[in-house]
Amino acid sequence: MITLIVILVFASILLGMYISIKAFGTGSKRSKVFEDIYFSFEDVNEIGVVYTKKGDYSAILKMDNPVRKYSADTDGYYEFTSLLASVLQVLGEGYAIHKQDIFVRKNFNMSSISGKCGDVRKHFLSDAYFKFFNGRPYIDSETYLTITQRGRNGGLKAYDADKWRDFQVKIQKVHDRLKSEDINCRFLTGDECKEYTERFFAVDFNNEVVSMNDFKVESEKIGMGDDQLKIYSLLDVDDPGLPGTLRPYADINVNNSVMPQDLLSDLSTLPDVDTLIYNQVIFLPEAGDFKVGEKEEPSRFHSQSEQSDCR
C-alpha cells in the first residue's frame, strides 16, 4: 500500500513538472525571453522612449539645422559645434548621441503649400509662383538627434531607478539647451518613433505608406526590391587619422567670392541616389569601461563613427 502511494506521488510530481515545462518552458528559456525583442516604444510624459533588449533608453529629437546651406554664416558653424560640445557635457559619461541627416529626392507639389494665404491677392500671386516650380525635383532634408543612455550589465533585468531619473532629467536639459539657442526641435512621440524606425529600415522617407521589400545581401550591396542599398564608412574608428584641429566648414568659390559650406555638403547632391542617410555617432563611456593600462583621452570620446547609407 505504501509503495503504491509513493509511486502515485512520484508520478504526480513528474506530471506536474511536464505540464510546467510545456506551459512556461525551462529556466534557460525564461532567461532568454527578451533575446528576440530588439526594441519597444513607450510614451513617458509625452516623450517617446525606445527600449532595447539590453536595457538602453533612447529619446529622439527632431530638429532643424541652424546653419542653412549657402547662408555664408561662418560664425554659425562654430556656434553649432560649440553647442553640440555643450550637449555632450550636459549628458556626461554613459551616454551617446546619434545625429542623423536624411536627404530625400522629391518632386515639388504645390498643392501642399498653395492656398494657405488668407489674402486673395497674395493667394493668386503665391499660387502663380509655386506653379512655376510644381513637379520640379528638389532635395528635402530632415535631422534627428537620438540620445541614448547605456543600460547596466544584465539588460532589462537590472533596472536602475536612479539612472532612469537621470535619463529623464538630462534629455529635457538637452531640449532646453537647444531651445535656448533658438533651434526648432521637439521630441518624437512613441508612435512617431515607431514610424521613424520603420522608415529607416525600409529606407523610405518619401512614400506615405511604408512597406518592406525582400532583402538580398551581397558582398558590396544590399538589394531591396528594385532598389539597391550601399553603406560607406567615412571614418575608421580604430585609426581615425583626424588632424589636431579641424574647421567645421569648407570654403568654396562662388562668383569669385569665398563662401563657407558643410564639410560633406556634396553628399546631398550624389547622382542617381533617391535617399541618403548620413550618420554621426559619439559615445562617452563610463570610467569603468576602460581596461587597466588603457589611456583615456581628455575629450573622453570613446568612438566617433560617420556612416552614410545610400539608396
C-alpha atoms as a PDB file:
ATOM      1  CA  MET A   1       0.000   0.000   0.000  1.00  0.00           C
ATOM      2  CA  ILE A   2       2.790   2.415   0.958  1.00  0.00           C
ATOM      3  CA  THR A   3       4.672   1.522  -2.217  1.00  0.00           C
ATOM      4  CA  LEU A   4       1.585   2.342  -4.314  1.00  0.00           C
ATOM      5  CA  ILE A   5       1.189   5.733  -2.624  1.00  0.00           C
ATOM      6  CA  VAL A   6       4.870   6.576  -3.250  1.00  0.00           C
ATOM      7  CA  ILE A   7       4.522   5.645  -6.919  1.00  0.00           C
ATOM      8  CA  LEU A   8       1.383   7.798  -7.290  1.00  0.00           C
ATOM      9  CA  VAL A   9       3.051  10.785  -5.585  1.00  0.00           C
ATOM     10  CA  PHE A  10       6.165  10.425  -7.752  1.00  0.00           C
ATOM     11  CA  ALA A  11       4.019  10.142 -10.897  1.00  0.00           C
ATOM     12  CA  SER A  12       2.082  13.271  -9.866  1.00  0.00           C
ATOM     13  CA  ILE A  13       5.336  15.201  -9.406  1.00  0.00           C
ATOM     14  CA  LEU A  14       6.588  14.133 -12.826  1.00  0.00           C
ATOM     15  CA  LEU A  15       3.256  15.058 -14.427  1.00  0.00           C
ATOM     16  CA  GLY A  16       3.355  18.484 -12.750  1.00  0.00           C
ATOM     17  CA  MET A  17       6.923  19.078 -13.966  1.00  0.00           C
ATOM     18  CA  TYR A  18       5.926  18.080 -17.513  1.00  0.00           C
ATOM     19  CA  ILE A  19       2.932  20.450 -17.531  1.00  0.00           C
ATOM     20  CA  SER A  20       5.062  23.284 -16.070  1.00  0.00           C
ATOM     21  CA  ILE A  21       7.774  22.888 -18.729  1.00  0.00           C
ATOM     22  CA  LYS A  22       5.202  22.780 -21.517  1.00  0.00           C
ATOM     23  CA  ALA A  23       3.433  25.872 -20.231  1.00  0.00           C
ATOM     24  CA  PHE A  24       6.348  28.052 -19.088  1.00  0.00           C
ATOM     25  CA  GLY A  25       9.486  26.494 -20.514  1.00  0.00           C
ATOM     26  CA  THR A  26      12.681  25.738 -18.645  1.00  0.00           C
ATOM     27  CA  GLY A  27      14.690  28.271 -16.667  1.00  0.00           C
ATOM     28  CA  SER A  28      17.081  28.733 -19.577  1.00  0.00           C
ATOM     29  CA  LYS A  29      14.149  29.529 -21.878  1.00  0.00           C
ATOM     30  CA  ARG A  30      12.749  32.107 -19.481  1.00  0.00           C
ATOM     31  CA  SER A  31      16.146  33.794 -19.202  1.00  0.00           C
ATOM     32  CA  LYS A  32      16.142  34.246 -22.976  1.00  0.00           C
ATOM     33  CA  VAL A  33      12.623  35.633 -23.204  1.00  0.00           C
ATOM     34  CA  PHE A  34      13.890  39.102 -24.207  1.00  0.00           C
ATOM     35  CA  GLU A  35      16.501  37.966 -26.709  1.00  0.00           C
ATOM     36  CA  ASP A  36      14.081  38.105 -29.637  1.00  0.00           C
ATOM     37  CA  ILE A  37      12.902  41.636 -28.731  1.00  0.00           C
ATOM     38  CA  TYR A  38      15.060  44.234 -30.462  1.00  0.00           C
ATOM     39  CA  PHE A  39      13.258  47.325 -29.175  1.00  0.00           C
ATOM     40  CA  SER A  40       9.927  48.597 -27.886  1.00  0.00           C
ATOM     41  CA  PHE A  41       8.301  52.023 -27.628  1.00  0.00           C
ATOM     42  CA  GLU A  42       6.509  53.890 -24.864  1.00  0.00           C
ATOM     43  CA  ASP A  43       5.256  57.425 -24.200  1.00  0.00           C
ATOM     44  CA  VAL A  44       6.666  58.877 -20.978  1.00  0.00           C
ATOM     45  CA  ASN A  45       5.490  62.396 -20.145  1.00  0.00           C
ATOM     46  CA  GLU A  46       4.595  62.917 -23.828  1.00  0.00           C
ATOM     47  CA  ILE A  47       8.098  61.851 -24.887  1.00  0.00           C
ATOM     48  CA  GLY A  48       8.620  58.701 -26.922  1.00  0.00           C
ATOM     49  CA  VAL A  49      11.170  56.384 -25.304  1.00  0.00           C
ATOM     50  CA  VAL A  50      12.807  53.484 -27.139  1.00  0.00           C
ATOM     51  CA  TYR A  51      13.904  50.493 -25.047  1.00  0.00           C
ATOM     52  CA  THR A  52      16.377  47.955 -26.403  1.00  0.00           C
ATOM     53  CA  LYS A  53      16.763  44.369 -25.266  1.00  0.00           C
ATOM     54  CA  LYS A  54      19.996  45.331 -23.477  1.00  0.00           C
ATOM     55  CA  GLY A  55      18.193  47.869 -21.311  1.00  0.00           C
ATOM     56  CA  ASP A  56      19.275  51.041 -23.141  1.00  0.00           C
ATOM     57  CA  TYR A  57      16.971  54.065 -23.130  1.00  0.00           C
ATOM     58  CA  SER A  58      16.713  56.375 -26.144  1.00  0.00           C
ATOM     59  CA  ALA A  59      14.763  59.547 -26.919  1.00  0.00           C
ATOM     60  CA  ILE A  60      14.648  61.069 -30.401  1.00  0.00           C
ATOM     61  CA  LEU A  61      14.652  64.800 -31.105  1.00  0.00           C
ATOM     62  CA  LYS A  62      13.577  66.099 -34.499  1.00  0.00           C
ATOM     63  CA  MET A  63      15.392  69.363 -35.125  1.00  0.00           C
ATOM     64  CA  ASP A  64      16.201  71.957 -37.746  1.00  0.00           C
ATOM     65  CA  ASN A  65      19.816  72.514 -38.675  1.00  0.00           C
ATOM     66  CA  PRO A  66      20.561  76.075 -37.526  1.00  0.00           C
ATOM     67  CA  VAL A  67      23.029  76.805 -40.347  1.00  0.00           C
ATOM     68  CA  ARG A  68      21.386  76.951 -43.748  1.00  0.00           C
ATOM     69  CA  LYS A  69      23.222  75.965 -46.888  1.00  0.00           C
ATOM     70  CA  TYR A  70      24.640  78.948 -48.805  1.00  0.00           C
ATOM     71  CA  SER A  71      23.924  81.212 -45.828  1.00  0.00           C
ATOM     72  CA  ALA A  72      27.607  82.261 -45.722  1.00  0.00           C
ATOM     73  CA  ASP A  73      27.362  82.226 -41.910  1.00  0.00           C
ATOM     74  CA  THR A  74      30.862  81.282 -40.795  1.00  0.00           C
ATOM     75  CA  ASP A  75      30.136  82.041 -37.134  1.00  0.00           C
ATOM     76  CA  GLY A  76      27.076  79.804 -37.292  1.00  0.00           C
ATOM     77  CA  TYR A  77      29.200  76.726 -37.952  1.00  0.00           C
ATOM     78  CA  TYR A  78      31.409  77.429 -34.928  1.00  0.00           C
ATOM     79  CA  GLU A  79      28.416  78.207 -32.715  1.00  0.00           C
ATOM     80  CA  PHE A  80      26.661  74.960 -33.618  1.00  0.00           C
ATOM     81  CA  THR A  81      29.843  72.955 -32.985  1.00  0.00           C
ATOM     82  CA  SER A  82      30.179  74.582 -29.556  1.00  0.00           C
ATOM     83  CA  LEU A  83      26.514  73.837 -28.882  1.00  0.00           C
ATOM     84  CA  LEU A  84      26.964  70.119 -29.574  1.00  0.00           C
ATOM     85  CA  ALA A  85      30.038  70.104 -27.320  1.00  0.00           C
ATOM     86  CA  SER A  86      27.967  71.626 -24.514  1.00  0.00           C
ATOM     87  CA  VAL A  87      25.262  68.987 -25.085  1.00  0.00           C
ATOM     88  CA  LEU A  88      27.875  66.279 -24.548  1.00  0.00           C
ATOM     89  CA  GLN A  89      28.942  67.953 -21.314  1.00  0.00           C
ATOM     90  CA  VAL A  90      25.335  68.019 -20.127  1.00  0.00           C
ATOM     91  CA  LEU A  91      24.914  64.293 -20.803  1.00  0.00           C
ATOM     92  CA  GLY A  92      28.222  63.105 -19.373  1.00  0.00           C
ATOM     93  CA  GLU A  93      29.513  59.548 -19.109  1.00  0.00           C
ATOM     94  CA  GLY A  94      27.452  56.579 -20.202  1.00  0.00           C
ATOM     95  CA  TYR A  95      25.565  58.450 -22.912  1.00  0.00           C
ATOM     96  CA  ALA A  96      25.681  58.506 -26.688  1.00  0.00           C
ATOM     97  CA  ILE A  97      24.317  60.929 -29.257  1.00  0.00           C
ATOM     98  CA  HIS A  98      23.446  59.935 -32.791  1.00  0.00           C
ATOM     99  CA  LYS A  99      22.896  62.756 -35.280  1.00  0.00           C
ATOM    100  CA  GLN A 100      21.184  61.560 -38.414  1.00  0.00           C
ATOM    101  CA  ASP A 101      20.706  63.733 -41.506  1.00  0.00           C
ATOM    102  CA  ILE A 102      18.321  62.327 -44.099  1.00  0.00           C
ATOM    103  CA  PHE A 103      18.325  63.656 -47.675  1.00  0.00           C
ATOM    104  CA  VAL A 104      15.435  62.613 -49.916  1.00  0.00           C
ATOM    105  CA  ARG A 105      14.955  63.429 -53.580  1.00  0.00           C
ATOM    106  CA  LYS A 106      11.356  64.554 -54.156  1.00  0.00           C
ATOM    107  CA  ASN A 107       9.209  66.345 -56.706  1.00  0.00           C
ATOM    108  CA  PHE A 108       7.717  69.638 -55.554  1.00  0.00           C
ATOM    109  CA  ASN A 109       3.949  69.503 -55.025  1.00  0.00           C
ATOM    110  CA  MET A 110       2.374  72.949 -54.918  1.00  0.00           C
ATOM    111  CA  SER A 111      -0.910  71.604 -53.511  1.00  0.00           C
ATOM    112  CA  SER A 112       0.764  71.117 -50.130  1.00  0.00           C
ATOM    113  CA  ILE A 113       1.655  74.827 -49.879  1.00  0.00           C
ATOM    114  CA  SER A 114      -0.583  76.911 -52.141  1.00  0.00           C
ATOM    115  CA  GLY A 115      -3.877  78.368 -50.944  1.00  0.00           C
ATOM    116  CA  LYS A 116      -2.720  78.877 -47.345  1.00  0.00           C
ATOM    117  CA  CYS A 117      -2.681  82.674 -47.593  1.00  0.00           C
ATOM    118  CA  GLY A 118      -5.882  84.401 -46.457  1.00  0.00           C
ATOM    119  CA  ASP A 119      -5.424  87.444 -48.699  1.00  0.00           C
ATOM    120  CA  VAL A 120      -6.972  86.706 -52.119  1.00  0.00           C
ATOM    121  CA  ARG A 121      -4.463  88.861 -53.988  1.00  0.00           C
ATOM    122  CA  LYS A 122      -1.492  87.274 -52.238  1.00  0.00           C
ATOM    123  CA  HIS A 123      -3.135  83.904 -52.746  1.00  0.00           C
ATOM    124  CA  PHE A 124      -3.142  84.426 -56.513  1.00  0.00           C
ATOM    125  CA  LEU A 125       0.474  85.608 -56.586  1.00  0.00           C
ATOM    126  CA  SER A 126       1.734  82.786 -54.373  1.00  0.00           C
ATOM    127  CA  ASP A 127      -0.072  80.156 -56.460  1.00  0.00           C
ATOM    128  CA  ALA A 128       1.451  81.594 -59.632  1.00  0.00           C
ATOM    129  CA  TYR A 129       4.892  81.492 -58.006  1.00  0.00           C
ATOM    130  CA  PHE A 130       4.596  77.888 -56.794  1.00  0.00           C
ATOM    131  CA  LYS A 131       3.094  76.757 -60.089  1.00  0.00           C
ATOM    132  CA  PHE A 132       6.394  77.622 -61.742  1.00  0.00           C
ATOM    133  CA  PHE A 133       8.177  75.054 -59.532  1.00  0.00           C
ATOM    134  CA  ASN A 134       5.406  72.447 -59.462  1.00  0.00           C
ATOM    135  CA  GLY A 135       6.705  68.986 -60.365  1.00  0.00           C
ATOM    136  CA  ARG A 136      10.365  70.004 -60.302  1.00  0.00           C
ATOM    137  CA  PRO A 137      12.839  67.800 -58.372  1.00  0.00           C
ATOM    138  CA  TYR A 138      14.425  69.066 -55.176  1.00  0.00           C
ATOM    139  CA  ILE A 139      16.305  67.692 -52.160  1.00  0.00           C
ATOM    140  CA  ASP A 140      14.402  67.597 -48.876  1.00  0.00           C
ATOM    141  CA  SER A 141      16.299  67.123 -45.619  1.00  0.00           C
ATOM    142  CA  GLU A 142      15.410  66.122 -42.065  1.00  0.00           C
ATOM    143  CA  THR A 143      17.616  65.925 -38.973  1.00  0.00           C
ATOM    144  CA  TYR A 144      17.178  63.695 -35.933  1.00  0.00           C
ATOM    145  CA  LEU A 145      19.218  63.638 -32.736  1.00  0.00           C
ATOM    146  CA  THR A 146      18.957  60.396 -30.746  1.00  0.00           C
ATOM    147  CA  ILE A 147      20.069  60.474 -27.101  1.00  0.00           C
ATOM    148  CA  THR A 148      20.868  57.077 -25.591  1.00  0.00           C
ATOM    149  CA  GLN A 149      21.757  56.044 -22.071  1.00  0.00           C
ATOM    150  CA  ARG A 150      23.551  52.759 -21.788  1.00  0.00           C
ATOM    151  CA  GLY A 151      21.846  50.214 -19.531  1.00  0.00           C
ATOM    152  CA  ARG A 152      23.553  48.258 -16.789  1.00  0.00           C
ATOM    153  CA  ASN A 153      25.036  44.858 -17.480  1.00  0.00           C
ATOM    154  CA  GLY A 154      22.232  42.355 -17.349  1.00  0.00           C
ATOM    155  CA  GLY A 155      19.847  44.269 -19.568  1.00  0.00           C
ATOM    156  CA  LEU A 156      16.202  44.697 -18.655  1.00  0.00           C
ATOM    157  CA  LYS A 157      16.584  42.553 -15.543  1.00  0.00           C
ATOM    158  CA  ALA A 158      18.896  45.175 -13.991  1.00  0.00           C
ATOM    159  CA  TYR A 159      16.581  48.194 -13.772  1.00  0.00           C
ATOM    160  CA  ASP A 160      18.189  51.197 -12.085  1.00  0.00           C
ATOM    161  CA  ALA A 161      15.705  53.822 -10.883  1.00  0.00           C
ATOM    162  CA  ASP A 162      18.435  56.436 -10.378  1.00  0.00           C
ATOM    163  CA  LYS A 163      19.731  56.078 -13.936  1.00  0.00           C
ATOM    164  CA  TRP A 164      16.195  56.220 -15.294  1.00  0.00           C
ATOM    165  CA  ARG A 165      15.545  59.517 -13.464  1.00  0.00           C
ATOM    166  CA  ASP A 166      18.918  60.828 -14.643  1.00  0.00           C
ATOM    167  CA  PHE A 167      17.967  59.991 -18.230  1.00  0.00           C
ATOM    168  CA  GLN A 168      14.655  61.858 -17.989  1.00  0.00           C
ATOM    169  CA  VAL A 169      16.286  64.944 -16.490  1.00  0.00           C
ATOM    170  CA  LYS A 170      19.154  65.100 -18.967  1.00  0.00           C
ATOM    171  CA  ILE A 171      17.125  64.672 -22.155  1.00  0.00           C
ATOM    172  CA  GLN A 172      14.969  67.585 -21.009  1.00  0.00           C
ATOM    173  CA  LYS A 173      18.123  69.630 -20.347  1.00  0.00           C
ATOM    174  CA  VAL A 174      19.334  68.893 -23.884  1.00  0.00           C
ATOM    175  CA  HIS A 175      15.972  70.004 -25.277  1.00  0.00           C
ATOM    176  CA  ASP A 176      16.098  73.220 -23.250  1.00  0.00           C
ATOM    177  CA  ARG A 177      19.712  73.823 -24.281  1.00  0.00           C
ATOM    178  CA  LEU A 178      18.819  73.613 -27.968  1.00  0.00           C
ATOM    179  CA  LYS A 179      15.772  75.827 -27.461  1.00  0.00           C
ATOM    180  CA  SER A 180      17.935  78.423 -25.710  1.00  0.00           C
ATOM    181  CA  GLU A 181      19.865  78.799 -28.969  1.00  0.00           C
ATOM    182  CA  ASP A 182      16.626  79.289 -30.941  1.00  0.00           C
ATOM    183  CA  ILE A 183      16.833  75.865 -32.565  1.00  0.00           C
ATOM    184  CA  ASN A 184      13.455  74.463 -33.533  1.00  0.00           C
ATOM    185  CA  CYS A 185      13.241  70.968 -32.021  1.00  0.00           C
ATOM    186  CA  ARG A 186      10.770  68.586 -30.403  1.00  0.00           C
ATOM    187  CA  PHE A 187      10.700  65.029 -29.067  1.00  0.00           C
ATOM    188  CA  LEU A 188       9.029  62.358 -31.154  1.00  0.00           C
ATOM    189  CA  THR A 189       6.116  60.517 -29.575  1.00  0.00           C
ATOM    190  CA  GLY A 190       6.106  56.743 -29.207  1.00  0.00           C
ATOM    191  CA  ASP A 191       4.097  56.276 -32.421  1.00  0.00           C
ATOM    192  CA  GLU A 192       6.385  58.685 -34.288  1.00  0.00           C
ATOM    193  CA  CYS A 193       9.454  56.795 -33.033  1.00  0.00           C
ATOM    194  CA  LYS A 194       7.948  53.579 -34.365  1.00  0.00           C
ATOM    195  CA  GLU A 195       7.188  55.133 -37.762  1.00  0.00           C
ATOM    196  CA  TYR A 196      10.650  56.710 -37.926  1.00  0.00           C
ATOM    197  CA  THR A 197      12.266  53.329 -37.177  1.00  0.00           C
ATOM    198  CA  GLU A 198      10.160  51.558 -39.797  1.00  0.00           C
ATOM    199  CA  ARG A 199      11.052  54.176 -42.402  1.00  0.00           C
ATOM    200  CA  PHE A 200      14.730  53.848 -41.534  1.00  0.00           C
ATOM    201  CA  PHE A 201      14.795  50.076 -42.000  1.00  0.00           C
ATOM    202  CA  ALA A 202      12.781  50.368 -45.215  1.00  0.00           C
ATOM    203  CA  VAL A 203      14.938  53.357 -46.312  1.00  0.00           C
ATOM    204  CA  ASP A 204      11.687  55.065 -47.292  1.00  0.00           C
ATOM    205  CA  PHE A 205      11.138  58.670 -46.202  1.00  0.00           C
ATOM    206  CA  ASN A 206       9.104  59.622 -49.245  1.00  0.00           C
ATOM    207  CA  ASN A 207       6.000  57.438 -49.594  1.00  0.00           C
ATOM    208  CA  GLU A 208       3.032  57.924 -47.304  1.00  0.00           C
ATOM    209  CA  VAL A 209       2.640  54.170 -46.718  1.00  0.00           C
ATOM    210  CA  VAL A 210       5.810  52.281 -45.757  1.00  0.00           C
ATOM    211  CA  SER A 211       6.315  48.648 -46.741  1.00  0.00           C
ATOM    212  CA  MET A 212       9.315  46.354 -46.562  1.00  0.00           C
ATOM    213  CA  ASN A 213      10.669  44.603 -49.652  1.00  0.00           C
ATOM    214  CA  ASP A 214      12.631  41.377 -49.898  1.00  0.00           C
ATOM    215  CA  PHE A 215      16.304  41.655 -48.954  1.00  0.00           C
ATOM    216  CA  LYS A 216      19.158  40.209 -50.951  1.00  0.00           C
ATOM    217  CA  VAL A 217      22.510  40.672 -49.222  1.00  0.00           C
ATOM    218  CA  GLU A 218      25.602  40.651 -51.426  1.00  0.00           C
ATOM    219  CA  SER A 219      29.251  41.388 -50.739  1.00  0.00           C
ATOM    220  CA  GLU A 220      29.101  45.014 -51.919  1.00  0.00           C
ATOM    221  CA  LYS A 221      25.423  45.949 -51.666  1.00  0.00           C
ATOM    222  CA  ILE A 222      22.004  45.034 -50.312  1.00  0.00           C
ATOM    223  CA  GLY A 223      19.144  44.584 -52.730  1.00  0.00           C
ATOM    224  CA  MET A 224      15.739  45.838 -51.580  1.00  0.00           C
ATOM    225  CA  GLY A 225      13.171  45.060 -54.265  1.00  0.00           C
ATOM    226  CA  ASP A 226      14.178  47.102 -57.308  1.00  0.00           C
ATOM    227  CA  ASP A 227      16.436  49.365 -55.233  1.00  0.00           C
ATOM    228  CA  GLN A 228      19.994  48.939 -54.020  1.00  0.00           C
ATOM    229  CA  LEU A 229      21.424  49.960 -50.654  1.00  0.00           C
ATOM    230  CA  LYS A 230      25.101  50.699 -50.035  1.00  0.00           C
ATOM    231  CA  ILE A 231      26.833  51.609 -46.765  1.00  0.00           C
ATOM    232  CA  TYR A 232      30.035  53.635 -46.695  1.00  0.00           C
ATOM    233  CA  SER A 233      32.111  54.145 -43.570  1.00  0.00           C
ATOM    234  CA  LEU A 234      33.765  57.556 -43.767  1.00  0.00           C
ATOM    235  CA  LEU A 235      35.877  57.149 -40.642  1.00  0.00           C
ATOM    236  CA  ASP A 236      37.945  54.273 -39.297  1.00  0.00           C
ATOM    237  CA  VAL A 237      37.203  54.141 -35.559  1.00  0.00           C
ATOM    238  CA  ASP A 238      40.425  52.252 -34.775  1.00  0.00           C
ATOM    239  CA  ASP A 239      42.535  54.754 -36.696  1.00  0.00           C
ATOM    240  CA  PRO A 240      40.584  57.976 -37.351  1.00  0.00           C
ATOM    241  CA  GLY A 241      43.592  59.837 -38.721  1.00  0.00           C
ATOM    242  CA  LEU A 242      41.996  63.193 -37.959  1.00  0.00           C
ATOM    243  CA  PRO A 243      44.148  66.330 -37.690  1.00  0.00           C
ATOM    244  CA  GLY A 244      44.666  68.104 -34.376  1.00  0.00           C
ATOM    245  CA  THR A 245      42.404  70.966 -35.429  1.00  0.00           C
ATOM    246  CA  LEU A 246      39.584  70.898 -37.950  1.00  0.00           C
ATOM    247  CA  ARG A 247      37.345  73.709 -39.121  1.00  0.00           C
ATOM    248  CA  PRO A 248      33.614  72.918 -39.106  1.00  0.00           C
ATOM    249  CA  TYR A 249      33.241  74.146 -42.682  1.00  0.00           C
ATOM    250  CA  ALA A 250      34.992  74.224 -46.054  1.00  0.00           C
ATOM    251  CA  ASP A 251      35.446  77.158 -48.434  1.00  0.00           C
ATOM    252  CA  ILE A 252      34.005  77.199 -51.940  1.00  0.00           C
ATOM    253  CA  ASN A 253      34.271  79.808 -54.668  1.00  0.00           C
ATOM    254  CA  VAL A 254      31.010  81.328 -55.878  1.00  0.00           C
ATOM    255  CA  ASN A 255      31.306  84.110 -58.480  1.00  0.00           C
ATOM    256  CA  ASN A 256      34.845  84.879 -57.371  1.00  0.00           C
ATOM    257  CA  SER A 257      33.742  85.082 -53.742  1.00  0.00           C
ATOM    258  CA  VAL A 258      34.626  82.688 -50.903  1.00  0.00           C
ATOM    259  CA  MET A 259      31.640  81.086 -49.185  1.00  0.00           C
ATOM    260  CA  PRO A 260      31.568  78.518 -46.332  1.00  0.00           C
ATOM    261  CA  GLN A 261      29.649  75.271 -46.640  1.00  0.00           C
ATOM    262  CA  ASP A 262      29.326  71.977 -44.753  1.00  0.00           C
ATOM    263  CA  LEU A 263      32.381  69.736 -44.914  1.00  0.00           C
ATOM    264  CA  LEU A 264      30.317  66.959 -46.514  1.00  0.00           C
ATOM    265  CA  SER A 265      27.639  69.020 -48.243  1.00  0.00           C
ATOM    266  CA  ASP A 266      28.364  67.293 -51.555  1.00  0.00           C
ATOM    267  CA  LEU A 267      26.764  64.130 -50.181  1.00  0.00           C
ATOM    268  CA  SER A 268      23.320  65.648 -50.717  1.00  0.00           C
ATOM    269  CA  THR A 269      23.954  66.012 -54.467  1.00  0.00           C
ATOM    270  CA  LEU A 270      25.134  62.493 -55.311  1.00  0.00           C
ATOM    271  CA  PRO A 271      23.681  61.476 -58.692  1.00  0.00           C
ATOM    272  CA  ASP A 272      21.172  58.620 -59.007  1.00  0.00           C
ATOM    273  CA  VAL A 273      20.594  58.481 -55.235  1.00  0.00           C
ATOM    274  CA  ASP A 274      16.981  58.757 -54.058  1.00  0.00           C
ATOM    275  CA  THR A 275      17.676  58.612 -50.314  1.00  0.00           C
ATOM    276  CA  LEU A 276      20.870  59.319 -48.396  1.00  0.00           C
ATOM    277  CA  ILE A 277      21.220  58.862 -44.631  1.00  0.00           C
ATOM    278  CA  TYR A 278      24.274  60.433 -43.008  1.00  0.00           C
ATOM    279  CA  ASN A 279      25.048  59.086 -39.516  1.00  0.00           C
ATOM    280  CA  GLN A 280      27.332  60.596 -36.901  1.00  0.00           C
ATOM    281  CA  VAL A 281      27.702  58.818 -33.549  1.00  0.00           C
ATOM    282  CA  ILE A 282      29.606  59.942 -30.456  1.00  0.00           C
ATOM    283  CA  PHE A 283      29.744  57.728 -27.377  1.00  0.00           C
ATOM    284  CA  LEU A 284      31.069  58.824 -23.978  1.00  0.00           C
ATOM    285  CA  PRO A 285      32.000  55.708 -21.984  1.00  0.00           C
ATOM    286  CA  GLU A 286      31.915  55.399 -18.234  1.00  0.00           C
ATOM    287  CA  ALA A 287      35.216  55.262 -16.385  1.00  0.00           C
ATOM    288  CA  GLY A 288      34.710  51.555 -15.647  1.00  0.00           C
ATOM    289  CA  ASP A 289      34.588  50.739 -19.352  1.00  0.00           C
ATOM    290  CA  PHE A 290      38.346  51.278 -19.706  1.00  0.00           C
ATOM    291  CA  LYS A 291      40.698  48.392 -19.098  1.00  0.00           C
ATOM    292  CA  VAL A 292      43.720  48.585 -16.815  1.00  0.00           C
ATOM    293  CA  GLY A 293      46.594  50.294 -18.587  1.00  0.00           C
ATOM    294  CA  GLU A 294      44.315  51.840 -21.197  1.00  0.00           C
ATOM    295  CA  LYS A 295      44.781  55.572 -21.551  1.00  0.00           C
ATOM    296  CA  GLU A 296      41.705  57.760 -21.636  1.00  0.00           C
ATOM    297  CA  GLU A 297      41.722  60.721 -23.991  1.00  0.00           C
ATOM    298  CA  PRO A 298      40.984  64.105 -22.420  1.00  0.00           C
ATOM    299  CA  SER A 299      37.854  64.504 -24.524  1.00  0.00           C
ATOM    300  CA  ARG A 300      36.555  61.116 -23.313  1.00  0.00           C
ATOM    301  CA  PHE A 301      35.239  60.341 -26.781  1.00  0.00           C
ATOM    302  CA  HIS A 302      35.394  56.571 -26.890  1.00  0.00           C
ATOM    303  CA  SER A 303      34.366  56.351 -30.509  1.00  0.00           C
ATOM    304  CA  GLN A 304      33.130  58.529 -33.293  1.00  0.00           C
ATOM    305  CA  SER A 305      31.855  56.956 -36.469  1.00  0.00           C
ATOM    306  CA  GLU A 306      30.446  58.502 -39.590  1.00  0.00           C
ATOM    307  CA  GLN A 307      28.444  56.379 -41.948  1.00  0.00           C
ATOM    308  CA  SER A 308      26.332  57.029 -44.995  1.00  0.00           C
ATOM    309  CA  ASP A 309      23.530  54.843 -46.314  1.00  0.00           C
ATOM    310  CA  CYS A 310      22.705  55.418 -49.974  1.00  0.00           C
ATOM    311  CA  ARG A 311      19.790  54.054 -51.892  1.00  0.00           C
END
